């Protein structure tokens, strides 16, 4: 199981245990009621309503966005940073156990 700490849009930090390796970060957030993760497109990488900022210690392990995700991030450039990712595009794995993300204000 994968543990993730979310800082929601209200600044509330919450550790979520029990993420499975077949889930996306967005699915884990939605299943646990993390404020600020709307996920309007359901994980299709077409809305950017699951935007998170990856803690700098974790950016190498979460990887870089592909071209489609990068295009979506460009559409929300006013709130995106160099460490931003769409939570729907991050697949949980043992390598991400302990991940910390901040949900973006949108």
N, C-alpha and C. Protein backbone atom coordinates (compact mmCIF):
# COMPACT_ATOMS: atom_id res chain seq x y z
N UNK A 1 0.82 -1.19 0.00
CA UNK A 1 0.00 0.00 0.00
C UNK A 1 0.87 1.26 0.00
N UNK A 2 0.36 2.31 -0.61
CA UNK A 2 1.10 3.55 -0.78
C UNK A 2 0.47 4.62 0.12
N UNK A 3 1.31 5.36 0.81
CA UNK A 3 0.88 6.47 1.67
C UNK A 3 1.20 7.77 0.96
N UNK A 4 0.23 8.70 0.95
CA UNK A 4 0.42 10.01 0.32
C UNK A 4 -0.08 11.07 1.28
N UNK A 5 0.67 12.16 1.39
CA UNK A 5 0.22 13.31 2.17
C UNK A 5 -0.24 14.39 1.19
N UNK A 6 -1.48 14.81 1.38
CA UNK A 6 -2.08 15.88 0.58
C UNK A 6 -2.20 17.13 1.44
N UNK A 7 -1.88 18.28 0.87
CA UNK A 7 -2.21 19.56 1.48
C UNK A 7 -3.32 20.13 0.60
N UNK A 8 -4.53 20.20 1.14
CA UNK A 8 -5.67 20.59 0.30
C UNK A 8 -5.71 22.10 0.07
N UNK A 9 -6.70 22.56 -0.65
CA UNK A 9 -6.80 23.98 -1.01
C UNK A 9 -7.03 24.88 0.19
N UNK A 10 -7.40 24.31 1.32
CA UNK A 10 -7.59 25.08 2.55
C UNK A 10 -6.34 25.07 3.43
N UNK A 11 -5.28 24.43 2.94
CA UNK A 11 -4.04 24.35 3.70
C UNK A 11 -4.01 23.22 4.72
N UNK A 12 -5.04 22.38 4.70
CA UNK A 12 -5.11 21.26 5.65
C UNK A 12 -4.28 20.11 5.12
N UNK A 13 -3.34 19.65 5.94
CA UNK A 13 -2.48 18.54 5.56
C UNK A 13 -3.10 17.24 6.06
N UNK A 14 -3.20 16.26 5.16
CA UNK A 14 -3.82 15.00 5.52
C UNK A 14 -3.08 13.83 4.90
N UNK A 15 -2.70 12.89 5.73
CA UNK A 15 -2.03 11.69 5.24
C UNK A 15 -3.08 10.64 4.91
N UNK A 16 -2.96 10.06 3.73
CA UNK A 16 -3.89 9.03 3.27
C UNK A 16 -3.09 7.74 3.10
N UNK A 17 -3.51 6.73 3.82
CA UNK A 17 -2.90 5.41 3.72
C UNK A 17 -3.77 4.53 2.82
N UNK A 18 -3.18 3.52 2.25
CA UNK A 18 -3.96 2.52 1.54
C UNK A 18 -4.09 2.71 0.05
N UNK A 19 -3.28 3.58 -0.53
CA UNK A 19 -3.31 3.71 -1.99
C UNK A 19 -2.77 2.43 -2.62
N UNK A 20 -3.39 2.00 -3.69
CA UNK A 20 -2.93 0.78 -4.34
C UNK A 20 -2.23 1.12 -5.65
N UNK A 21 -1.38 0.20 -6.08
CA UNK A 21 -0.56 0.45 -7.26
C UNK A 21 -1.35 0.45 -8.56
N UNK A 22 -2.63 0.16 -8.51
CA UNK A 22 -3.45 0.23 -9.72
C UNK A 22 -4.27 1.52 -9.78
N UNK A 23 -4.00 2.46 -8.86
CA UNK A 23 -4.74 3.72 -8.81
C UNK A 23 -3.88 4.87 -9.31
N UNK A 24 -4.57 5.91 -9.75
CA UNK A 24 -3.87 7.18 -10.00
C UNK A 24 -3.93 7.99 -8.71
N UNK A 25 -3.08 8.98 -8.63
CA UNK A 25 -3.09 9.90 -7.49
C UNK A 25 -4.45 10.59 -7.39
N UNK A 26 -5.04 10.93 -8.52
CA UNK A 26 -6.36 11.57 -8.54
C UNK A 26 -7.42 10.64 -7.96
N UNK A 27 -7.39 9.37 -8.32
CA UNK A 27 -8.38 8.42 -7.80
C UNK A 27 -8.26 8.29 -6.28
N UNK A 28 -7.04 8.27 -5.78
CA UNK A 28 -6.83 8.20 -4.33
C UNK A 28 -7.39 9.45 -3.66
N UNK A 29 -7.13 10.61 -4.24
CA UNK A 29 -7.63 11.87 -3.68
C UNK A 29 -9.16 11.91 -3.67
N UNK A 30 -9.77 11.53 -4.78
CA UNK A 30 -11.24 11.54 -4.87
C UNK A 30 -11.85 10.55 -3.88
N UNK A 31 -11.28 9.38 -3.76
CA UNK A 31 -11.81 8.35 -2.86
C UNK A 31 -11.73 8.77 -1.40
N UNK A 32 -10.85 9.75 -1.13
CA UNK A 32 -10.66 10.18 0.25
C UNK A 32 -11.12 11.61 0.50
N UNK A 33 -11.86 12.18 -0.44
CA UNK A 33 -12.48 13.49 -0.25
C UNK A 33 -11.51 14.64 -0.07
N UNK A 34 -10.42 14.63 -0.80
CA UNK A 34 -9.44 15.71 -0.70
C UNK A 34 -10.01 16.96 -1.38
N UNK A 35 -10.16 18.05 -0.62
CA UNK A 35 -10.70 19.31 -1.15
C UNK A 35 -9.80 19.89 -2.23
N UNK A 36 -10.43 20.27 -3.35
CA UNK A 36 -9.72 20.92 -4.43
C UNK A 36 -9.43 20.00 -5.61
N UNK A 37 -9.67 18.70 -5.45
CA UNK A 37 -9.50 17.77 -6.56
C UNK A 37 -10.88 17.50 -7.15
N UNK A 38 -11.23 18.26 -8.19
CA UNK A 38 -12.55 18.12 -8.80
C UNK A 38 -12.58 16.95 -9.79
N UNK A 39 -11.52 16.81 -10.56
CA UNK A 39 -11.40 15.71 -11.53
C UNK A 39 -12.62 15.64 -12.45
N UNK A 40 -12.97 16.77 -13.02
CA UNK A 40 -14.17 16.87 -13.86
C UNK A 40 -14.18 15.89 -15.04
N UNK A 41 -13.00 15.60 -15.59
CA UNK A 41 -12.95 14.71 -16.77
C UNK A 41 -12.80 13.24 -16.38
N UNK A 42 -12.72 12.96 -15.10
CA UNK A 42 -12.63 11.57 -14.64
C UNK A 42 -11.30 10.91 -14.89
N UNK A 43 -10.29 11.68 -15.17
CA UNK A 43 -8.96 11.13 -15.36
C UNK A 43 -8.51 11.02 -16.81
N UNK A 44 -9.19 11.71 -17.70
CA UNK A 44 -8.88 11.63 -19.12
C UNK A 44 -7.83 12.65 -19.57
N UNK A 45 -7.25 13.38 -18.64
CA UNK A 45 -6.22 14.39 -18.95
C UNK A 45 -6.78 15.46 -19.90
N UNK A 46 -8.01 15.90 -19.60
CA UNK A 46 -8.60 16.90 -20.48
C UNK A 46 -9.24 18.08 -19.75
N UNK A 47 -8.90 18.26 -18.45
CA UNK A 47 -9.54 19.39 -17.76
C UNK A 47 -8.63 20.14 -16.78
N UNK A 48 -7.62 19.51 -16.26
CA UNK A 48 -6.67 20.12 -15.31
C UNK A 48 -7.29 20.49 -13.97
N UNK A 49 -8.43 19.87 -13.62
CA UNK A 49 -9.04 20.15 -12.32
C UNK A 49 -8.53 19.22 -11.22
N UNK A 50 -7.43 18.55 -11.49
CA UNK A 50 -6.77 17.72 -10.47
C UNK A 50 -5.31 18.16 -10.33
N UNK A 51 -5.06 19.43 -10.60
CA UNK A 51 -3.71 19.98 -10.58
C UNK A 51 -3.12 19.95 -9.18
N UNK A 52 -1.91 19.41 -9.08
CA UNK A 52 -1.18 19.40 -7.82
C UNK A 52 0.24 19.88 -8.05
N UNK A 53 0.84 20.35 -6.97
CA UNK A 53 2.25 20.73 -6.99
C UNK A 53 3.00 19.64 -6.22
N UNK A 54 3.97 19.05 -6.87
CA UNK A 54 4.74 17.96 -6.29
C UNK A 54 5.83 18.54 -5.41
N UNK A 55 5.96 18.00 -4.21
CA UNK A 55 7.05 18.41 -3.33
C UNK A 55 8.37 18.20 -4.09
N UNK A 56 9.29 19.15 -4.03
CA UNK A 56 10.54 19.05 -4.79
C UNK A 56 11.32 17.76 -4.54
N UNK A 57 11.21 17.19 -3.37
CA UNK A 57 11.92 15.94 -3.09
C UNK A 57 11.37 14.76 -3.88
N UNK A 58 10.22 14.93 -4.50
CA UNK A 58 9.55 13.83 -5.19
C UNK A 58 9.44 14.00 -6.70
N UNK A 59 9.86 15.12 -7.25
CA UNK A 59 9.63 15.37 -8.68
C UNK A 59 10.34 14.36 -9.58
N UNK A 60 11.50 13.90 -9.19
CA UNK A 60 12.20 12.92 -10.02
C UNK A 60 11.44 11.60 -10.06
N UNK A 61 10.88 11.21 -8.93
CA UNK A 61 10.17 9.93 -8.87
C UNK A 61 8.80 9.98 -9.56
N UNK A 62 8.16 11.14 -9.56
CA UNK A 62 6.86 11.22 -10.24
C UNK A 62 7.02 11.37 -11.75
N UNK A 63 8.19 11.78 -12.18
CA UNK A 63 8.46 11.91 -13.61
C UNK A 63 7.97 13.22 -14.19
N UNK A 64 8.20 13.35 -15.47
CA UNK A 64 7.82 14.56 -16.20
C UNK A 64 6.52 14.32 -16.97
N UNK A 65 5.75 15.38 -17.19
CA UNK A 65 4.52 15.22 -17.98
C UNK A 65 4.83 14.87 -19.44
N UNK A 66 3.95 14.07 -20.04
CA UNK A 66 4.08 13.80 -21.47
C UNK A 66 3.52 15.01 -22.23
N UNK A 67 3.53 14.94 -23.54
CA UNK A 67 3.11 16.09 -24.36
C UNK A 67 1.66 16.50 -24.12
N UNK A 68 0.77 15.53 -23.94
CA UNK A 68 -0.65 15.85 -23.73
C UNK A 68 -0.83 16.53 -22.38
N UNK A 69 -0.22 15.98 -21.34
CA UNK A 69 -0.32 16.59 -20.02
C UNK A 69 0.32 17.98 -20.03
N UNK A 70 1.45 18.12 -20.69
CA UNK A 70 2.11 19.42 -20.77
C UNK A 70 1.18 20.46 -21.41
N UNK A 71 0.45 20.06 -22.45
CA UNK A 71 -0.49 20.98 -23.11
C UNK A 71 -1.59 21.41 -22.14
N UNK A 72 -2.08 20.49 -21.33
CA UNK A 72 -3.10 20.83 -20.33
C UNK A 72 -2.52 21.77 -19.28
N UNK A 73 -1.31 21.51 -18.84
CA UNK A 73 -0.66 22.38 -17.85
C UNK A 73 -0.47 23.79 -18.41
N UNK A 74 -0.18 23.86 -19.70
CA UNK A 74 -0.01 25.16 -20.34
C UNK A 74 -1.31 25.96 -20.32
N UNK A 75 -2.44 25.28 -20.33
CA UNK A 75 -3.74 25.96 -20.31
C UNK A 75 -4.04 26.56 -18.94
N UNK A 76 -3.35 26.11 -17.90
CA UNK A 76 -3.54 26.66 -16.55
C UNK A 76 -2.22 27.26 -16.05
N UNK A 77 -1.50 27.87 -16.96
CA UNK A 77 -0.18 28.42 -16.66
C UNK A 77 -0.21 29.46 -15.55
N UNK A 78 -1.37 30.07 -15.31
CA UNK A 78 -1.46 31.08 -14.26
C UNK A 78 -1.34 30.46 -12.86
N UNK A 79 -1.61 29.18 -12.71
CA UNK A 79 -1.49 28.52 -11.40
C UNK A 79 -0.47 27.38 -11.41
N UNK A 80 -0.03 26.97 -12.58
CA UNK A 80 0.94 25.88 -12.69
C UNK A 80 2.35 26.40 -12.42
N UNK A 81 3.17 25.52 -11.88
CA UNK A 81 4.59 25.83 -11.64
C UNK A 81 5.42 24.73 -12.29
N UNK A 82 6.73 24.83 -12.17
CA UNK A 82 7.61 23.81 -12.73
C UNK A 82 7.39 22.45 -12.07
N UNK A 83 6.84 22.44 -10.86
CA UNK A 83 6.62 21.18 -10.15
C UNK A 83 5.17 20.70 -10.26
N UNK A 84 4.38 21.30 -11.13
CA UNK A 84 2.97 20.93 -11.26
C UNK A 84 2.80 19.69 -12.12
N UNK A 85 1.81 18.90 -11.72
CA UNK A 85 1.39 17.72 -12.49
C UNK A 85 -0.10 17.57 -12.35
N UNK A 86 -0.70 16.84 -13.25
CA UNK A 86 -2.10 16.45 -13.11
C UNK A 86 -2.13 15.14 -12.35
N UNK A 87 -2.88 15.11 -11.27
CA UNK A 87 -2.91 13.93 -10.41
C UNK A 87 -3.42 12.70 -11.15
N UNK A 88 -4.23 12.90 -12.18
CA UNK A 88 -4.75 11.77 -12.95
C UNK A 88 -3.67 11.07 -13.76
N UNK A 89 -2.55 11.73 -13.95
CA UNK A 89 -1.48 11.18 -14.77
C UNK A 89 -0.35 10.56 -13.96
N UNK A 90 -0.49 10.56 -12.65
CA UNK A 90 0.52 9.96 -11.79
C UNK A 90 -0.02 8.64 -11.27
N UNK A 91 0.61 7.54 -11.67
CA UNK A 91 0.22 6.22 -11.20
C UNK A 91 0.96 5.92 -9.91
N UNK A 92 0.23 5.46 -8.92
CA UNK A 92 0.85 5.11 -7.64
C UNK A 92 1.72 3.88 -7.81
N UNK A 93 2.81 3.86 -7.05
CA UNK A 93 3.72 2.72 -7.03
C UNK A 93 4.45 2.74 -5.70
N UNK A 94 5.11 1.65 -5.40
CA UNK A 94 5.88 1.59 -4.17
C UNK A 94 6.93 2.69 -4.09
N UNK A 95 7.43 3.13 -5.24
CA UNK A 95 8.43 4.20 -5.27
C UNK A 95 7.85 5.53 -4.81
N UNK A 96 6.52 5.65 -4.80
CA UNK A 96 5.87 6.90 -4.39
C UNK A 96 5.33 6.84 -2.97
N UNK A 97 5.64 5.77 -2.24
CA UNK A 97 5.20 5.67 -0.85
C UNK A 97 5.80 6.81 -0.04
N UNK A 98 4.95 7.65 0.56
CA UNK A 98 5.39 8.81 1.32
C UNK A 98 5.31 10.12 0.54
N UNK A 99 4.83 10.06 -0.71
CA UNK A 99 4.71 11.25 -1.56
C UNK A 99 3.94 12.36 -0.84
N UNK A 100 4.35 13.60 -1.08
CA UNK A 100 3.67 14.77 -0.54
C UNK A 100 3.35 15.71 -1.68
N UNK A 101 2.07 16.12 -1.78
CA UNK A 101 1.63 17.03 -2.83
C UNK A 101 0.76 18.14 -2.23
N UNK A 102 0.75 19.28 -2.90
CA UNK A 102 -0.11 20.40 -2.53
C UNK A 102 -1.11 20.59 -3.66
N UNK A 103 -2.39 20.57 -3.30
CA UNK A 103 -3.45 20.77 -4.29
C UNK A 103 -3.45 22.24 -4.70
N UNK A 104 -3.48 22.47 -6.00
CA UNK A 104 -3.41 23.84 -6.52
C UNK A 104 -4.73 24.58 -6.32
N UNK A 105 -4.62 25.86 -6.02
CA UNK A 105 -5.78 26.75 -6.00
C UNK A 105 -6.17 27.03 -7.44
N UNK A 106 -7.43 26.87 -7.78
CA UNK A 106 -7.84 27.14 -9.16
C UNK A 106 -8.98 28.10 -9.21
